[in-house]
């Protein structure tokens, strides 16, 4: 720095002091420099904690068989986990920008939209919202949708985060059981 005049900035852990430092070095005049040291240990610990939390969240999302998603205030997907491909046959990229109702048969979309709008009006969380989705290949999937509102500091609804769980096998088993009871009754 003293020779080139180019300022430098770096962060360093000093074991002997048990602290992180931000070091900024500037040339004041040829052959001379000033070094400023700021203790940034708390900030670095917060950064490490955030990184660990993000890593933990990522691992959970990747391990989950459920489709984890986030929608904005208009109900458009802004995030979709890779599990959407198992559930609906679409890649996350194909889902982003669309609404959940774009993946439902028309009558189902009308029914679920009305139910969801009532929930969103209250800015309420919801659990096990039963709905039917269309797969990319045209097949149907029964889904339970769970969501939590994302609220701004002023209470404005920014969107929802949640997950969809495939309950198709359960619904088919329930129908088979009902049919068997009906045949037995008949």
N, C-alpha and C. Protein backbone atom coordinates (compact mmCIF):
# COMPACT_ATOMS: atom_id res chain seq x y z
N UNK A 1 0.84 -1.20 0.00
CA UNK A 1 0.00 0.00 0.00
C UNK A 1 0.87 1.24 0.00
N UNK A 2 1.93 1.23 0.83
CA UNK A 2 2.81 2.41 0.91
C UNK A 2 3.50 2.66 -0.42
N UNK A 3 3.85 1.57 -1.16
CA UNK A 3 4.53 1.74 -2.45
C UNK A 3 3.56 2.04 -3.58
N UNK A 4 2.46 1.28 -3.66
CA UNK A 4 1.57 1.39 -4.82
C UNK A 4 0.52 2.49 -4.68
N UNK A 5 0.13 2.78 -3.47
CA UNK A 5 -0.93 3.74 -3.26
C UNK A 5 -2.32 3.14 -3.37
N UNK A 6 -2.42 1.87 -3.74
CA UNK A 6 -3.72 1.20 -3.86
C UNK A 6 -4.19 0.77 -2.46
N UNK A 7 -5.35 1.23 -2.03
CA UNK A 7 -5.84 0.85 -0.70
C UNK A 7 -6.18 -0.64 -0.66
N UNK A 8 -6.14 -1.21 0.51
CA UNK A 8 -6.48 -2.62 0.73
C UNK A 8 -7.50 -2.71 1.86
N UNK A 9 -8.35 -3.72 1.76
CA UNK A 9 -9.31 -4.00 2.82
C UNK A 9 -9.43 -5.50 2.94
N UNK A 10 -9.37 -6.01 4.18
CA UNK A 10 -9.52 -7.45 4.40
C UNK A 10 -10.03 -7.70 5.80
N UNK A 11 -10.51 -8.92 6.00
CA UNK A 11 -10.98 -9.35 7.31
C UNK A 11 -10.09 -10.48 7.76
N UNK A 12 -9.77 -10.49 9.06
CA UNK A 12 -8.82 -11.48 9.57
C UNK A 12 -9.21 -11.90 10.99
N UNK A 13 -9.02 -13.17 11.27
CA UNK A 13 -9.22 -13.72 12.61
C UNK A 13 -7.87 -13.68 13.32
N UNK A 14 -7.84 -13.09 14.49
CA UNK A 14 -6.60 -13.04 15.29
C UNK A 14 -6.80 -13.94 16.49
N UNK A 15 -6.21 -15.12 16.41
CA UNK A 15 -6.39 -16.16 17.42
C UNK A 15 -6.01 -15.66 18.81
N UNK A 16 -4.87 -15.00 18.92
CA UNK A 16 -4.38 -14.54 20.22
C UNK A 16 -5.34 -13.59 20.92
N UNK A 17 -6.11 -12.83 20.17
CA UNK A 17 -7.07 -11.89 20.74
C UNK A 17 -8.50 -12.46 20.75
N UNK A 18 -8.70 -13.55 20.02
CA UNK A 18 -10.02 -14.17 19.95
C UNK A 18 -11.05 -13.29 19.28
N UNK A 19 -10.62 -12.51 18.28
CA UNK A 19 -11.52 -11.59 17.61
C UNK A 19 -11.28 -11.57 16.11
N UNK A 20 -12.36 -11.20 15.41
CA UNK A 20 -12.29 -10.90 13.99
C UNK A 20 -12.07 -9.40 13.85
N UNK A 21 -11.24 -9.02 12.87
CA UNK A 21 -10.98 -7.61 12.60
C UNK A 21 -11.21 -7.32 11.12
N UNK A 22 -11.75 -6.14 10.88
CA UNK A 22 -11.80 -5.59 9.54
C UNK A 22 -10.64 -4.61 9.48
N UNK A 23 -9.76 -4.80 8.50
CA UNK A 23 -8.57 -3.96 8.39
C UNK A 23 -8.64 -3.20 7.06
N UNK A 24 -8.55 -1.88 7.16
CA UNK A 24 -8.52 -1.02 5.98
C UNK A 24 -7.19 -0.27 6.00
N UNK A 25 -6.44 -0.37 4.90
CA UNK A 25 -5.12 0.25 4.83
C UNK A 25 -5.11 1.24 3.66
N UNK A 26 -4.69 2.47 3.95
CA UNK A 26 -4.66 3.55 2.96
C UNK A 26 -3.29 4.22 2.99
N UNK A 27 -2.84 4.69 1.85
CA UNK A 27 -1.60 5.46 1.78
C UNK A 27 -1.94 6.92 2.05
N UNK A 28 -1.20 7.54 2.96
CA UNK A 28 -1.40 8.96 3.24
C UNK A 28 -0.52 9.82 2.36
N UNK A 29 0.70 9.33 2.11
CA UNK A 29 1.64 9.96 1.19
C UNK A 29 2.66 8.90 0.81
N UNK A 30 3.42 9.10 -0.25
CA UNK A 30 4.35 8.06 -0.69
C UNK A 30 5.22 7.56 0.47
N UNK A 31 5.24 6.24 0.62
CA UNK A 31 6.06 5.60 1.64
C UNK A 31 5.40 5.51 3.00
N UNK A 32 4.19 6.05 3.18
CA UNK A 32 3.49 6.02 4.47
C UNK A 32 2.08 5.49 4.28
N UNK A 33 1.55 4.89 5.35
CA UNK A 33 0.20 4.36 5.29
C UNK A 33 -0.46 4.44 6.66
N UNK A 34 -1.77 4.32 6.65
CA UNK A 34 -2.56 4.26 7.87
C UNK A 34 -3.37 2.97 7.79
N UNK A 35 -3.45 2.27 8.92
CA UNK A 35 -4.25 1.05 9.00
C UNK A 35 -5.33 1.26 10.06
N UNK A 36 -6.57 0.97 9.69
CA UNK A 36 -7.69 1.08 10.61
C UNK A 36 -8.19 -0.33 10.93
N UNK A 37 -8.35 -0.60 12.21
CA UNK A 37 -8.80 -1.91 12.67
C UNK A 37 -10.15 -1.76 13.36
N UNK A 38 -11.13 -2.49 12.90
CA UNK A 38 -12.45 -2.52 13.54
C UNK A 38 -12.71 -3.94 14.00
N UNK A 39 -13.17 -4.10 15.24
CA UNK A 39 -13.54 -5.42 15.75
C UNK A 39 -14.91 -5.76 15.15
N UNK A 40 -14.97 -6.88 14.44
CA UNK A 40 -16.21 -7.28 13.76
C UNK A 40 -16.64 -8.69 14.18
N UNK A 41 -16.22 -9.10 15.36
CA UNK A 41 -16.51 -10.46 15.83
C UNK A 41 -18.00 -10.75 15.87
N UNK A 42 -18.79 -9.83 16.43
CA UNK A 42 -20.24 -10.06 16.52
C UNK A 42 -20.86 -10.20 15.13
N UNK A 43 -20.45 -9.35 14.20
CA UNK A 43 -20.99 -9.42 12.84
C UNK A 43 -20.62 -10.75 12.20
N UNK A 44 -19.37 -11.18 12.37
CA UNK A 44 -18.93 -12.45 11.77
C UNK A 44 -19.70 -13.62 12.39
N UNK A 45 -19.94 -13.59 13.70
CA UNK A 45 -20.71 -14.65 14.34
C UNK A 45 -22.13 -14.68 13.80
N UNK A 46 -22.71 -13.49 13.59
CA UNK A 46 -24.06 -13.43 13.01
C UNK A 46 -24.05 -13.98 11.59
N UNK A 47 -23.03 -13.63 10.80
CA UNK A 47 -22.93 -14.15 9.43
C UNK A 47 -22.82 -15.67 9.43
N UNK A 48 -21.99 -16.22 10.35
CA UNK A 48 -21.84 -17.67 10.43
C UNK A 48 -23.16 -18.32 10.84
N UNK A 49 -23.88 -17.70 11.78
CA UNK A 49 -25.17 -18.24 12.23
C UNK A 49 -26.19 -18.23 11.09
N UNK A 50 -26.21 -17.15 10.33
CA UNK A 50 -27.13 -17.06 9.19
C UNK A 50 -26.78 -18.11 8.14
N UNK A 51 -25.49 -18.25 7.85
CA UNK A 51 -25.05 -19.24 6.87
C UNK A 51 -25.42 -20.65 7.32
N UNK A 52 -25.25 -20.94 8.62
CA UNK A 52 -25.59 -22.25 9.16
C UNK A 52 -27.10 -22.48 9.07
N UNK A 53 -27.88 -21.44 9.38
CA UNK A 53 -29.34 -21.55 9.30
C UNK A 53 -29.77 -21.80 7.86
N UNK A 54 -29.18 -21.08 6.92
CA UNK A 54 -29.51 -21.28 5.50
C UNK A 54 -29.13 -22.69 5.06
N UNK A 55 -27.99 -23.17 5.52
CA UNK A 55 -27.54 -24.52 5.17
C UNK A 55 -28.52 -25.56 5.74
N UNK A 56 -28.93 -25.37 6.99
CA UNK A 56 -29.87 -26.28 7.63
C UNK A 56 -31.20 -26.28 6.85
N UNK A 57 -31.72 -25.08 6.51
CA UNK A 57 -32.96 -24.97 5.75
C UNK A 57 -32.82 -25.67 4.40
N UNK A 58 -31.71 -25.43 3.71
CA UNK A 58 -31.48 -26.05 2.41
C UNK A 58 -31.49 -27.58 2.54
N UNK A 59 -30.83 -28.12 3.55
CA UNK A 59 -30.79 -29.56 3.75
C UNK A 59 -32.18 -30.13 4.00
N UNK A 60 -32.97 -29.42 4.81
CA UNK A 60 -34.33 -29.88 5.10
C UNK A 60 -35.18 -29.87 3.83
N UNK A 61 -35.07 -28.79 3.06
CA UNK A 61 -35.83 -28.68 1.81
C UNK A 61 -35.44 -29.80 0.86
N UNK A 62 -34.15 -30.05 0.72
CA UNK A 62 -33.69 -31.09 -0.20
C UNK A 62 -34.10 -32.48 0.26
N UNK A 63 -34.17 -32.71 1.58
CA UNK A 63 -34.51 -34.02 2.10
C UNK A 63 -36.01 -34.27 2.10
N UNK A 64 -36.79 -33.22 2.01
CA UNK A 64 -38.25 -33.34 2.11
C UNK A 64 -38.86 -33.90 0.83
N UNK A 65 -39.79 -34.81 1.03
CA UNK A 65 -40.56 -35.32 -0.11
C UNK A 65 -41.67 -34.33 -0.47
N UNK A 66 -41.97 -33.42 0.47
CA UNK A 66 -42.99 -32.41 0.23
C UNK A 66 -42.42 -31.31 -0.66
N UNK A 67 -43.31 -30.67 -1.40
CA UNK A 67 -42.92 -29.56 -2.25
C UNK A 67 -43.00 -28.29 -1.40
N UNK A 68 -41.89 -27.64 -1.24
CA UNK A 68 -41.82 -26.40 -0.46
C UNK A 68 -41.82 -25.24 -1.44
N UNK A 69 -42.62 -24.22 -1.13
CA UNK A 69 -42.84 -23.13 -2.08
C UNK A 69 -42.99 -21.80 -1.34
N UNK A 70 -42.92 -20.72 -2.12
CA UNK A 70 -43.24 -19.39 -1.63
C UNK A 70 -43.94 -18.63 -2.74
N UNK A 71 -45.00 -17.91 -2.38
CA UNK A 71 -45.71 -17.07 -3.34
C UNK A 71 -45.66 -15.62 -2.87
N UNK A 72 -45.76 -14.69 -3.82
CA UNK A 72 -45.78 -13.27 -3.48
C UNK A 72 -47.21 -12.85 -3.13
N UNK A 73 -47.42 -11.56 -2.93
CA UNK A 73 -48.74 -11.04 -2.53
C UNK A 73 -49.81 -11.30 -3.60
N UNK A 74 -49.40 -11.45 -4.86
CA UNK A 74 -50.36 -11.75 -5.93
C UNK A 74 -50.56 -13.25 -6.11
N UNK A 75 -49.92 -14.06 -5.29
CA UNK A 75 -50.08 -15.51 -5.37
C UNK A 75 -49.22 -16.18 -6.41
N UNK A 76 -48.23 -15.48 -6.97
CA UNK A 76 -47.32 -16.07 -7.96
C UNK A 76 -46.13 -16.71 -7.25
N UNK A 77 -45.78 -17.89 -7.72
CA UNK A 77 -44.64 -18.59 -7.12
C UNK A 77 -43.35 -17.79 -7.36
N UNK A 78 -42.61 -17.57 -6.29
CA UNK A 78 -41.29 -16.94 -6.38
C UNK A 78 -40.21 -17.93 -5.97
N UNK A 79 -40.63 -19.06 -5.38
CA UNK A 79 -39.70 -20.14 -5.04
C UNK A 79 -40.45 -21.46 -5.12
N UNK A 80 -39.78 -22.47 -5.65
CA UNK A 80 -40.32 -23.82 -5.69
C UNK A 80 -39.16 -24.80 -5.51
N UNK A 81 -39.28 -25.69 -4.54
CA UNK A 81 -38.23 -26.68 -4.33
C UNK A 81 -38.24 -27.72 -5.45
N UNK A 82 -37.17 -28.46 -5.53
CA UNK A 82 -37.03 -29.50 -6.57
C UNK A 82 -38.13 -30.56 -6.49
N UNK A 83 -38.74 -30.74 -5.32
CA UNK A 83 -39.77 -31.77 -5.13
C UNK A 83 -41.00 -31.54 -6.00
N UNK A 84 -41.17 -30.33 -6.53
CA UNK A 84 -42.31 -30.06 -7.41
C UNK A 84 -42.27 -30.98 -8.62
N UNK A 85 -41.08 -31.36 -9.03
CA UNK A 85 -40.97 -32.21 -10.21
C UNK A 85 -41.54 -33.60 -9.94
N UNK A 86 -41.31 -34.14 -8.73
CA UNK A 86 -41.89 -35.44 -8.36
C UNK A 86 -43.41 -35.35 -8.27
N UNK A 87 -43.89 -34.24 -7.71
CA UNK A 87 -45.32 -34.09 -7.48
C UNK A 87 -46.09 -33.78 -8.76
N UNK A 88 -45.64 -32.76 -9.50
CA UNK A 88 -46.41 -32.29 -10.65
C UNK A 88 -45.75 -32.50 -12.01
N UNK A 89 -44.47 -32.90 -12.01
CA UNK A 89 -43.80 -33.12 -13.29
C UNK A 89 -43.19 -31.86 -13.89
N UNK A 90 -43.30 -30.74 -13.21
CA UNK A 90 -42.72 -29.48 -13.67
C UNK A 90 -41.42 -29.20 -12.92
N UNK A 91 -40.49 -28.54 -13.59
CA UNK A 91 -39.27 -28.10 -12.90
C UNK A 91 -39.61 -26.84 -12.12
N UNK A 92 -38.81 -26.51 -11.11
CA UNK A 92 -39.05 -25.26 -10.39
C UNK A 92 -39.11 -24.04 -11.32
N UNK A 93 -38.27 -24.01 -12.32
CA UNK A 93 -38.24 -22.89 -13.25
C UNK A 93 -39.57 -22.75 -13.99
N UNK A 94 -40.20 -23.88 -14.32
CA UNK A 94 -41.48 -23.84 -15.04
C UNK A 94 -42.63 -23.34 -14.15
N UNK A 95 -42.46 -23.45 -12.84
CA UNK A 95 -43.50 -23.06 -11.89
C UNK A 95 -43.41 -21.58 -11.52
N UNK A 96 -42.19 -21.05 -11.45
CA UNK A 96 -41.98 -19.66 -11.02
C UNK A 96 -42.79 -18.71 -11.92
N UNK A 97 -43.49 -17.78 -11.28
CA UNK A 97 -44.29 -16.80 -12.01
C UNK A 97 -45.73 -17.22 -12.22
N UNK A 98 -46.03 -18.50 -12.00
CA UNK A 98 -47.40 -18.99 -12.14
C UNK A 98 -48.06 -19.01 -10.75
N UNK A 99 -49.37 -19.21 -10.72
CA UNK A 99 -50.09 -19.30 -9.46
C UNK A 99 -50.46 -20.77 -9.19
N UNK A 100 -50.80 -21.10 -7.96
CA UNK A 100 -51.24 -22.48 -7.69
C UNK A 100 -52.45 -22.87 -8.53
N UNK A 101 -53.31 -21.88 -8.85
CA UNK A 101 -54.53 -22.16 -9.58
C UNK A 101 -54.27 -22.51 -11.05
N UNK A 102 -53.08 -22.15 -11.54
CA UNK A 102 -52.69 -22.53 -12.91
C UNK A 102 -52.47 -24.03 -13.04
N UNK A 103 -52.33 -24.71 -11.90
CA UNK A 103 -52.04 -26.15 -11.90
C UNK A 103 -53.23 -26.96 -11.41
N UNK A 104 -54.43 -26.39 -11.51
CA UNK A 104 -55.64 -27.08 -11.05
C UNK A 104 -56.66 -27.14 -12.17
N UNK A 105 -57.52 -28.17 -12.15
CA UNK A 105 -58.65 -28.18 -13.09
C UNK A 105 -59.48 -26.91 -12.84
N UNK A 106 -60.16 -26.39 -13.87
CA UNK A 106 -60.87 -25.12 -13.74
C UNK A 106 -61.83 -25.02 -12.55
N UNK A 107 -62.69 -26.00 -12.35
CA UNK A 107 -63.64 -25.95 -11.22
C UNK A 107 -62.91 -25.96 -9.88
N UNK A 108 -61.86 -26.75 -9.80
CA UNK A 108 -61.06 -26.82 -8.57
C UNK A 108 -60.37 -25.49 -8.31
N UNK A 109 -59.87 -24.86 -9.36
CA UNK A 109 -59.20 -23.57 -9.22
C UNK A 109 -60.15 -22.52 -8.66
N UNK A 110 -61.40 -22.51 -9.13
CA UNK A 110 -62.39 -21.56 -8.63
C UNK A 110 -62.67 -21.81 -7.15
N UNK A 111 -62.88 -23.07 -6.79
CA UNK A 111 -63.18 -23.43 -5.40
C UNK A 111 -62.03 -23.06 -4.47
N UNK A 112 -60.82 -23.47 -4.83
CA UNK A 112 -59.66 -23.25 -3.96
C UNK A 112 -59.29 -21.77 -3.91
N UNK A 113 -59.42 -21.07 -5.03
CA UNK A 113 -59.12 -19.63 -5.05
C UNK A 113 -60.01 -18.90 -4.04
N UNK A 114 -61.30 -19.20 -4.05
CA UNK A 114 -62.23 -18.56 -3.11
C UNK A 114 -61.84 -18.85 -1.67
N UNK A 115 -61.51 -20.10 -1.40
CA UNK A 115 -61.10 -20.49 -0.04
C UNK A 115 -59.80 -19.79 0.36
N UNK A 116 -58.86 -19.75 -0.57
CA UNK A 116 -57.56 -19.12 -0.27
C UNK A 116 -57.71 -17.61 -0.08
N UNK A 117 -58.51 -16.95 -0.91
CA UNK A 117 -58.70 -15.50 -0.78
C UNK A 117 -59.29 -15.14 0.59
N UNK A 118 -60.20 -15.98 1.09
CA UNK A 118 -60.77 -15.75 2.42
C UNK A 118 -59.69 -15.88 3.50
N UNK A 119 -58.80 -16.83 3.33
CA UNK A 119 -57.70 -17.03 4.28
C UNK A 119 -56.73 -15.85 4.20
N UNK A 120 -56.38 -15.46 2.97
CA UNK A 120 -55.42 -14.36 2.78
C UNK A 120 -55.99 -13.04 3.29
N UNK A 121 -57.29 -12.86 3.17
CA UNK A 121 -57.95 -11.65 3.68
C UNK A 121 -57.69 -11.49 5.18
N UNK A 122 -57.67 -12.61 5.89
CA UNK A 122 -57.41 -12.60 7.34
C UNK A 122 -55.92 -12.66 7.67
N UNK A 123 -55.08 -12.83 6.61
CA UNK A 123 -53.63 -12.98 6.78
C UNK A 123 -53.33 -14.15 7.74
N UNK A 124 -54.09 -15.21 7.57
CA UNK A 124 -54.04 -16.33 8.48
C UNK A 124 -53.18 -17.48 7.93
N UNK A 125 -52.59 -18.25 8.82
CA UNK A 125 -51.96 -19.49 8.37
C UNK A 125 -53.07 -20.51 8.04
N UNK A 126 -52.72 -21.52 7.28
CA UNK A 126 -53.70 -22.56 6.97
C UNK A 126 -53.01 -23.91 6.94
N UNK A 127 -53.81 -24.96 7.21
CA UNK A 127 -53.28 -26.31 7.29
C UNK A 127 -54.21 -27.27 6.57
N UNK A 128 -53.61 -28.17 5.82
CA UNK A 128 -54.34 -29.25 5.15
C UNK A 128 -55.48 -28.76 4.26
N UNK A 129 -55.19 -27.73 3.47
CA UNK A 129 -56.14 -27.25 2.47
C UNK A 129 -56.15 -28.29 1.34
N UNK A 130 -57.23 -29.05 1.28
CA UNK A 130 -57.35 -30.17 0.33
C UNK A 130 -57.61 -29.62 -1.07
N UNK A 131 -56.80 -30.03 -2.03
CA UNK A 131 -57.00 -29.58 -3.41
C UNK A 131 -56.46 -30.60 -4.40
N UNK A 132 -56.90 -30.46 -5.63
CA UNK A 132 -56.48 -31.37 -6.70
C UNK A 132 -55.64 -30.58 -7.68
N UNK A 133 -54.48 -31.14 -8.05
CA UNK A 133 -53.57 -30.50 -8.99
C UNK A 133 -53.43 -31.35 -10.24
N UNK A 134 -53.17 -30.67 -11.36
CA UNK A 134 -52.92 -31.34 -12.64
C UNK A 134 -51.42 -31.51 -12.84
N UNK A 135 -51.00 -32.73 -13.10
CA UNK A 135 -49.60 -32.97 -13.44
C UNK A 135 -49.33 -32.51 -14.87
N UNK A 136 -48.09 -32.32 -15.18
CA UNK A 136 -47.69 -31.94 -16.53
C UNK A 136 -48.16 -32.97 -17.55
N UNK A 137 -48.17 -34.25 -17.15
CA UNK A 137 -48.59 -35.32 -18.06
C UNK A 137 -50.11 -35.50 -18.10
N UNK A 138 -50.86 -34.62 -17.40
CA UNK A 138 -52.32 -34.67 -17.43
C UNK A 138 -52.93 -35.43 -16.27
N UNK A 139 -52.12 -36.16 -15.51
CA UNK A 139 -52.64 -36.90 -14.36
C UNK A 139 -53.05 -35.96 -13.24
N UNK A 140 -53.83 -36.49 -12.31
CA UNK A 140 -54.29 -35.70 -11.17
C UNK A 140 -53.56 -36.11 -9.91
N UNK A 141 -53.32 -35.15 -9.03
CA UNK A 141 -52.70 -35.40 -7.74
C UNK A 141 -53.54 -34.69 -6.68
N UNK A 142 -53.90 -35.45 -5.65
CA UNK A 142 -54.57 -34.87 -4.48
C UNK A 142 -53.47 -34.36 -3.55
N UNK A 143 -53.66 -33.13 -3.08
CA UNK A 143 -52.62 -32.46 -2.31
C UNK A 143 -53.22 -31.81 -1.07
N UNK A 144 -52.46 -31.86 0.02
CA UNK A 144 -52.75 -31.02 1.18
C UNK A 144 -51.77 -29.88 1.15
N UNK A 145 -52.27 -28.66 1.22
CA UNK A 145 -51.42 -27.47 1.19
C UNK A 145 -51.44 -26.81 2.57
N UNK A 146 -50.24 -26.49 3.06
CA UNK A 146 -50.09 -25.78 4.33
C UNK A 146 -49.31 -24.51 4.05
N UNK A 147 -49.70 -23.41 4.70
CA UNK A 147 -49.00 -22.16 4.45
C UNK A 147 -49.00 -21.22 5.64
N UNK A 148 -47.97 -20.40 5.68
CA UNK A 148 -47.82 -19.36 6.70
C UNK A 148 -47.70 -18.02 5.98
N UNK A 149 -48.41 -16.99 6.48
CA UNK A 149 -48.31 -15.68 5.84
C UNK A 149 -46.94 -15.06 6.07
N UNK A 150 -46.49 -14.30 5.08
CA UNK A 150 -45.28 -13.49 5.20
C UNK A 150 -45.78 -12.05 5.32
N UNK A 151 -45.50 -11.44 6.45
CA UNK A 151 -46.00 -10.10 6.71
C UNK A 151 -44.86 -9.11 6.77
N UNK A 152 -45.08 -7.91 6.21
CA UNK A 152 -44.12 -6.83 6.30
C UNK A 152 -44.15 -6.24 7.70
N UNK A 153 -43.20 -5.37 8.00
CA UNK A 153 -43.11 -4.73 9.32
C UNK A 153 -44.40 -3.98 9.67
N UNK A 154 -45.10 -3.48 8.65
CA UNK A 154 -46.33 -2.73 8.88
C UNK A 154 -47.58 -3.62 8.83
N UNK A 155 -47.38 -4.94 8.76
CA UNK A 155 -48.51 -5.87 8.74
C UNK A 155 -49.04 -6.18 7.36
N UNK A 156 -48.45 -5.59 6.32
CA UNK A 156 -48.88 -5.85 4.95
C UNK A 156 -48.58 -7.30 4.57
N UNK A 157 -49.53 -7.94 3.92
CA UNK A 157 -49.32 -9.30 3.44
C UNK A 157 -48.39 -9.28 2.24
N UNK A 158 -47.22 -9.92 2.38
CA UNK A 158 -46.24 -9.97 1.30
C UNK A 158 -46.33 -11.25 0.48
N UNK A 159 -46.98 -12.27 1.05
CA UNK A 159 -47.10 -13.55 0.38
C UNK A 159 -47.29 -14.66 1.38
N UNK A 160 -47.03 -15.88 0.95
CA UNK A 160 -47.13 -17.06 1.81
C UNK A 160 -45.95 -17.97 1.53
N UNK A 161 -45.55 -18.72 2.55
CA UNK A 161 -44.58 -19.81 2.43
C UNK A 161 -45.27 -21.07 2.92
N UNK A 162 -44.96 -22.18 2.27
CA UNK A 162 -45.58 -23.40 2.74
C UNK A 162 -45.11 -24.63 2.01
N UNK A 163 -45.92 -25.66 2.11
CA UNK A 163 -45.57 -26.91 1.45
C UNK A 163 -46.82 -27.63 1.00
N UNK A 164 -46.65 -28.43 -0.02
CA UNK A 164 -47.71 -29.28 -0.55
C UNK A 164 -47.29 -30.73 -0.34
N UNK A 165 -48.21 -31.51 0.18
CA UNK A 165 -47.95 -32.93 0.42
C UNK A 165 -48.89 -33.75 -0.47
N UNK A 166 -48.32 -34.69 -1.18
CA UNK A 166 -49.09 -35.56 -2.06
C UNK A 166 -49.85 -36.57 -1.21
N UNK A 167 -51.17 -36.54 -1.28
CA UNK A 167 -52.01 -37.49 -0.54
C UNK A 167 -52.84 -38.34 -1.49
N UNK A 168 -52.38 -38.45 -2.73
CA UNK A 168 -53.13 -39.18 -3.75
C UNK A 168 -53.38 -40.63 -3.32
N UNK A 169 -52.35 -41.31 -2.85
CA UNK A 169 -52.51 -42.72 -2.45
C UNK A 169 -53.53 -42.85 -1.32
N UNK A 170 -53.48 -41.93 -0.39
CA UNK A 170 -54.42 -41.94 0.73
C UNK A 170 -55.85 -41.76 0.21
N UNK A 171 -56.05 -40.80 -0.70
CA UNK A 171 -57.38 -40.56 -1.25
C UNK A 171 -57.88 -41.78 -2.02
N UNK A 172 -56.99 -42.42 -2.78
CA UNK A 172 -57.38 -43.62 -3.53
C UNK A 172 -57.75 -44.76 -2.58
N UNK A 173 -57.00 -44.90 -1.49
CA UNK A 173 -57.30 -45.95 -0.51
C UNK A 173 -58.64 -45.67 0.18
N UNK A 174 -58.90 -44.40 0.50
CA UNK A 174 -60.18 -44.03 1.11
C UNK A 174 -61.34 -44.33 0.17
N UNK A 175 -61.15 -44.01 -1.11
CA UNK A 175 -62.20 -44.28 -2.10
C UNK A 175 -62.43 -45.79 -2.24
N UNK A 176 -61.34 -46.55 -2.28
CA UNK A 176 -61.48 -48.00 -2.40
C UNK A 176 -62.21 -48.57 -1.19
N UNK A 177 -61.93 -48.03 -0.02
CA UNK A 177 -62.60 -48.49 1.20
C UNK A 177 -64.09 -48.13 1.17
N UNK A 178 -64.40 -46.91 0.73
CA UNK A 178 -65.81 -46.50 0.61
C UNK A 178 -66.54 -47.39 -0.40
N UNK A 179 -65.86 -47.65 -1.53
CA UNK A 179 -66.48 -48.50 -2.56
C UNK A 179 -66.72 -49.91 -2.03
N UNK A 180 -65.76 -50.43 -1.28
CA UNK A 180 -65.92 -51.77 -0.71
C UNK A 180 -67.07 -51.82 0.29
N UNK A 181 -67.19 -50.77 1.12
CA UNK A 181 -68.30 -50.70 2.07
C UNK A 181 -69.63 -50.61 1.33
N UNK A 182 -69.65 -49.83 0.26
CA UNK A 182 -70.88 -49.69 -0.53
C UNK A 182 -71.26 -51.01 -1.18
N UNK A 183 -70.28 -51.72 -1.72
CA UNK A 183 -70.58 -53.04 -2.34
C UNK A 183 -71.07 -54.02 -1.27
N UNK A 184 -70.44 -53.98 -0.11
CA UNK A 184 -70.84 -54.87 0.98
C UNK A 184 -72.26 -54.54 1.45
N UNK A 185 -72.57 -53.27 1.56
CA UNK A 185 -73.89 -52.82 1.97
C UNK A 185 -74.94 -53.23 0.94
N UNK A 186 -74.58 -53.11 -0.35
CA UNK A 186 -75.50 -53.47 -1.41
C UNK A 186 -75.74 -54.97 -1.42
